[in-house]
Amino acid sequence: MKQIEIFEIKSPCIGVCEAGPKGFCKGCYRSREERMHWFKLEQDVQSKIIKACGLRKKRAALVKRPKSDEHNPNQQIDIFTPPQNNNKE
């Protein structure tokens, strides 16, 4: 059963319109096909695309985020060794 949207779903375009390395727009994170056919798509499909764009944006932000040298998530922490104090007195 389709969910009926009361309000029209607006295009997520912010006017950047530049393809990134994976083919998604750097501004709205839609694929080329999603951008081309936006106004022809049904509202439930548009809603799913909006959600997918949010996930793509989060993934892109994680990739851009600098990695900290403090803790390697793949390295197991030794709970029996006291932490090293980097402050020299």
N, C-alpha and C. Protein backbone atom coordinates (compact mmCIF):
# COMPACT_ATOMS: atom_id res chain seq x y z
N MET A 1 0.83 -1.17 0.00
CA MET A 1 0.00 0.00 0.00
C MET A 1 0.89 1.24 0.00
N LYS A 2 0.59 2.20 -0.86
CA LYS A 2 1.38 3.41 -0.97
C LYS A 2 1.00 4.41 0.11
N GLN A 3 2.00 5.07 0.62
CA GLN A 3 1.79 6.16 1.57
C GLN A 3 1.52 7.43 0.77
N ILE A 4 0.46 8.11 1.07
CA ILE A 4 0.13 9.33 0.36
C ILE A 4 0.78 10.50 1.08
N GLU A 5 1.57 11.27 0.33
CA GLU A 5 2.22 12.45 0.89
C GLU A 5 1.27 13.64 0.76
N ILE A 6 1.13 14.39 1.82
CA ILE A 6 0.25 15.55 1.79
C ILE A 6 0.92 16.70 1.03
N PHE A 7 2.21 16.87 1.26
CA PHE A 7 2.95 17.95 0.63
C PHE A 7 3.88 17.39 -0.43
N GLU A 8 4.12 18.18 -1.44
CA GLU A 8 5.05 17.79 -2.51
C GLU A 8 6.46 17.70 -1.94
N ILE A 9 7.19 16.67 -2.35
CA ILE A 9 8.57 16.51 -1.91
C ILE A 9 9.44 17.34 -2.85
N LYS A 10 10.13 18.31 -2.28
CA LYS A 10 10.96 19.19 -3.09
C LYS A 10 12.28 18.52 -3.43
N SER A 11 12.85 18.93 -4.53
CA SER A 11 14.14 18.42 -4.95
C SER A 11 15.20 18.81 -3.93
N PRO A 12 16.09 17.88 -3.58
CA PRO A 12 17.14 18.19 -2.60
C PRO A 12 18.31 18.98 -3.20
N CYS A 13 18.19 19.37 -4.45
CA CYS A 13 19.26 20.09 -5.13
C CYS A 13 19.59 21.39 -4.41
N ILE A 14 20.90 21.62 -4.21
CA ILE A 14 21.34 22.87 -3.60
C ILE A 14 22.17 23.70 -4.58
N GLY A 15 22.17 23.29 -5.84
CA GLY A 15 22.83 24.06 -6.89
C GLY A 15 24.30 23.80 -7.08
N VAL A 16 24.86 22.79 -6.44
CA VAL A 16 26.28 22.48 -6.62
C VAL A 16 26.49 21.70 -7.92
N CYS A 17 25.73 20.66 -8.14
CA CYS A 17 25.68 19.91 -9.40
C CYS A 17 27.06 19.54 -9.95
N GLU A 18 27.82 18.83 -9.16
CA GLU A 18 29.13 18.34 -9.57
C GLU A 18 29.25 16.89 -9.12
N ALA A 19 29.60 16.02 -10.04
CA ALA A 19 29.69 14.59 -9.72
C ALA A 19 30.96 14.29 -8.94
N GLY A 20 30.80 13.47 -7.90
CA GLY A 20 31.93 13.04 -7.10
C GLY A 20 32.56 11.79 -7.69
N PRO A 21 33.52 11.18 -6.99
CA PRO A 21 34.24 10.01 -7.52
C PRO A 21 33.35 8.78 -7.72
N LYS A 22 32.26 8.66 -6.99
CA LYS A 22 31.38 7.51 -7.15
C LYS A 22 30.17 7.82 -8.03
N GLY A 23 30.13 9.02 -8.62
CA GLY A 23 29.05 9.38 -9.53
C GLY A 23 27.88 10.09 -8.89
N PHE A 24 27.93 10.28 -7.58
CA PHE A 24 26.85 11.00 -6.90
C PHE A 24 27.18 12.49 -6.88
N CYS A 25 26.14 13.31 -6.93
CA CYS A 25 26.30 14.76 -6.88
C CYS A 25 26.93 15.15 -5.54
N LYS A 26 27.90 16.06 -5.58
CA LYS A 26 28.55 16.51 -4.35
C LYS A 26 27.66 17.41 -3.51
N GLY A 27 26.59 17.92 -4.09
CA GLY A 27 25.68 18.80 -3.36
C GLY A 27 24.53 18.07 -2.71
N CYS A 28 23.82 17.25 -3.50
CA CYS A 28 22.61 16.59 -2.97
C CYS A 28 22.77 15.08 -2.81
N TYR A 29 23.87 14.52 -3.31
CA TYR A 29 24.19 13.09 -3.18
C TYR A 29 23.23 12.17 -3.94
N ARG A 30 22.62 12.69 -5.00
CA ARG A 30 21.79 11.84 -5.85
C ARG A 30 22.63 11.34 -7.02
N SER A 31 22.24 10.18 -7.55
CA SER A 31 22.90 9.66 -8.75
C SER A 31 22.43 10.45 -9.97
N ARG A 32 23.08 10.26 -11.07
CA ARG A 32 22.69 10.96 -12.30
C ARG A 32 21.26 10.62 -12.69
N GLU A 33 20.90 9.34 -12.61
CA GLU A 33 19.55 8.90 -12.97
C GLU A 33 18.51 9.50 -12.02
N GLU A 34 18.85 9.55 -10.74
CA GLU A 34 17.92 10.12 -9.77
C GLU A 34 17.68 11.61 -10.04
N ARG A 35 18.74 12.31 -10.44
CA ARG A 35 18.60 13.74 -10.77
C ARG A 35 17.80 13.93 -12.05
N MET A 36 18.08 13.13 -13.05
CA MET A 36 17.42 13.29 -14.35
C MET A 36 15.92 13.01 -14.29
N HIS A 37 15.51 12.03 -13.51
CA HIS A 37 14.12 11.58 -13.51
C HIS A 37 13.35 12.03 -12.26
N TRP A 38 13.90 12.97 -11.49
CA TRP A 38 13.30 13.36 -10.21
C TRP A 38 11.82 13.73 -10.34
N PHE A 39 11.48 14.56 -11.30
CA PHE A 39 10.11 15.06 -11.41
C PHE A 39 9.15 14.02 -11.98
N LYS A 40 9.67 12.94 -12.53
CA LYS A 40 8.82 11.86 -13.05
C LYS A 40 8.56 10.78 -12.01
N LEU A 41 9.32 10.77 -10.94
CA LEU A 41 9.22 9.71 -9.93
C LEU A 41 8.02 9.94 -9.01
N GLU A 42 7.48 8.84 -8.50
CA GLU A 42 6.40 8.93 -7.52
C GLU A 42 6.98 9.39 -6.19
N GLN A 43 6.12 9.95 -5.36
CA GLN A 43 6.57 10.53 -4.10
C GLN A 43 7.19 9.51 -3.15
N ASP A 44 6.71 8.28 -3.15
CA ASP A 44 7.31 7.28 -2.26
C ASP A 44 8.74 6.97 -2.69
N VAL A 45 9.00 6.97 -4.00
CA VAL A 45 10.35 6.74 -4.52
C VAL A 45 11.23 7.95 -4.18
N GLN A 46 10.70 9.15 -4.34
CA GLN A 46 11.45 10.35 -3.99
C GLN A 46 11.83 10.33 -2.51
N SER A 47 10.92 9.91 -1.67
CA SER A 47 11.19 9.83 -0.24
C SER A 47 12.33 8.86 0.06
N LYS A 48 12.34 7.72 -0.63
CA LYS A 48 13.41 6.73 -0.43
C LYS A 48 14.75 7.29 -0.90
N ILE A 49 14.72 8.06 -1.98
CA ILE A 49 15.95 8.67 -2.49
C ILE A 49 16.49 9.68 -1.49
N ILE A 50 15.60 10.46 -0.90
CA ILE A 50 16.01 11.45 0.10
C ILE A 50 16.70 10.75 1.27
N LYS A 51 16.16 9.65 1.73
CA LYS A 51 16.78 8.88 2.83
C LYS A 51 18.13 8.33 2.42
N ALA A 52 18.21 7.81 1.19
CA ALA A 52 19.48 7.26 0.69
C ALA A 52 20.53 8.37 0.58
N CYS A 53 20.11 9.56 0.18
CA CYS A 53 21.03 10.68 0.07
C CYS A 53 21.60 11.05 1.44
N GLY A 54 20.77 10.98 2.46
CA GLY A 54 21.24 11.26 3.82
C GLY A 54 22.32 10.27 4.25
N LEU A 55 22.12 9.00 3.92
CA LEU A 55 23.13 7.98 4.26
C LEU A 55 24.41 8.20 3.47
N ARG A 56 24.27 8.55 2.20
CA ARG A 56 25.46 8.81 1.36
C ARG A 56 26.24 10.00 1.91
N LYS A 57 25.53 11.02 2.36
CA LYS A 57 26.19 12.21 2.90
C LYS A 57 26.95 11.86 4.18
N LYS A 58 26.35 11.03 5.04
CA LYS A 58 27.03 10.61 6.27
C LYS A 58 28.29 9.80 5.96
N ARG A 59 28.18 8.89 4.98
CA ARG A 59 29.34 8.09 4.59
C ARG A 59 30.46 8.97 4.05
N ALA A 60 30.10 9.94 3.23
CA ALA A 60 31.09 10.85 2.67
C ALA A 60 31.77 11.65 3.76
N ALA A 61 31.01 12.07 4.77
CA ALA A 61 31.59 12.82 5.89
C ALA A 61 32.57 11.96 6.68
N LEU A 62 32.27 10.68 6.84
CA LEU A 62 33.17 9.78 7.57
C LEU A 62 34.47 9.58 6.81
N VAL A 63 34.40 9.51 5.51
CA VAL A 63 35.60 9.33 4.70
C VAL A 63 36.47 10.58 4.77
N LYS A 64 35.86 11.76 4.77
CA LYS A 64 36.61 13.02 4.80
C LYS A 64 37.20 13.32 6.17
N ARG A 65 36.62 12.75 7.23
CA ARG A 65 37.05 13.05 8.59
C ARG A 65 38.48 12.54 8.82
N PRO A 66 39.36 13.38 9.36
CA PRO A 66 40.73 12.92 9.62
C PRO A 66 40.75 11.87 10.73
N LYS A 67 41.62 10.90 10.54
CA LYS A 67 41.73 9.83 11.53
C LYS A 67 42.63 10.30 12.67
N SER A 68 42.23 10.01 13.88
CA SER A 68 43.05 10.40 15.03
C SER A 68 44.07 9.31 15.30
N ASP A 69 45.22 9.72 15.78
CA ASP A 69 46.30 8.77 16.07
C ASP A 69 46.20 8.21 17.48
N GLU A 70 45.23 8.69 18.25
CA GLU A 70 45.15 8.29 19.65
C GLU A 70 44.80 6.82 19.83
N HIS A 71 43.85 6.33 19.06
CA HIS A 71 43.39 4.95 19.25
C HIS A 71 43.10 4.31 17.92
N ASN A 72 43.66 3.15 17.72
CA ASN A 72 43.37 2.37 16.52
C ASN A 72 42.23 1.41 16.87
N PRO A 73 41.06 1.51 16.21
CA PRO A 73 39.92 0.67 16.57
C PRO A 73 40.17 -0.82 16.34
N ASN A 74 41.16 -1.16 15.54
CA ASN A 74 41.47 -2.57 15.29
C ASN A 74 42.42 -3.14 16.33
N GLN A 75 43.00 -2.27 17.14
CA GLN A 75 43.94 -2.71 18.16
C GLN A 75 43.22 -2.91 19.49
N GLN A 76 43.46 -4.04 20.10
CA GLN A 76 42.81 -4.34 21.38
C GLN A 76 43.53 -3.59 22.50
N ILE A 77 42.75 -3.03 23.41
CA ILE A 77 43.30 -2.29 24.53
C ILE A 77 43.66 -3.25 25.65
N ASP A 78 44.85 -3.07 26.19
CA ASP A 78 45.30 -3.91 27.31
C ASP A 78 44.83 -3.27 28.61
N ILE A 79 43.93 -3.93 29.31
CA ILE A 79 43.36 -3.35 30.53
C ILE A 79 44.28 -3.51 31.74
N PHE A 80 45.35 -4.30 31.63
CA PHE A 80 46.24 -4.53 32.76
C PHE A 80 47.44 -3.61 32.76
N THR A 81 47.71 -2.95 31.65
CA THR A 81 48.83 -2.03 31.58
C THR A 81 48.30 -0.62 31.79
N PRO A 82 48.87 0.11 32.76
CA PRO A 82 48.38 1.48 32.99
C PRO A 82 48.67 2.35 31.78
N PRO A 83 47.82 3.33 31.52
CA PRO A 83 48.04 4.20 30.37
C PRO A 83 49.30 5.03 30.55
N GLN A 84 49.97 5.33 29.45
CA GLN A 84 51.19 6.13 29.49
C GLN A 84 50.79 7.58 29.67
N ASN A 85 51.53 8.27 30.53
CA ASN A 85 51.28 9.68 30.76
C ASN A 85 52.27 10.46 29.89
N ASN A 86 51.73 11.22 28.93
CA ASN A 86 52.57 11.98 28.01
C ASN A 86 52.99 13.33 28.59
N ASN A 87 52.43 13.70 29.74
CA ASN A 87 52.80 14.97 30.38
C ASN A 87 54.05 14.77 31.21
N LYS A 88 55.14 15.41 30.82
CA LYS A 88 56.40 15.30 31.58
C LYS A 88 56.49 16.45 32.55
N GLU A 89 56.80 16.13 33.78
CA GLU A 89 56.87 17.17 34.82
C GLU A 89 58.29 17.49 35.14
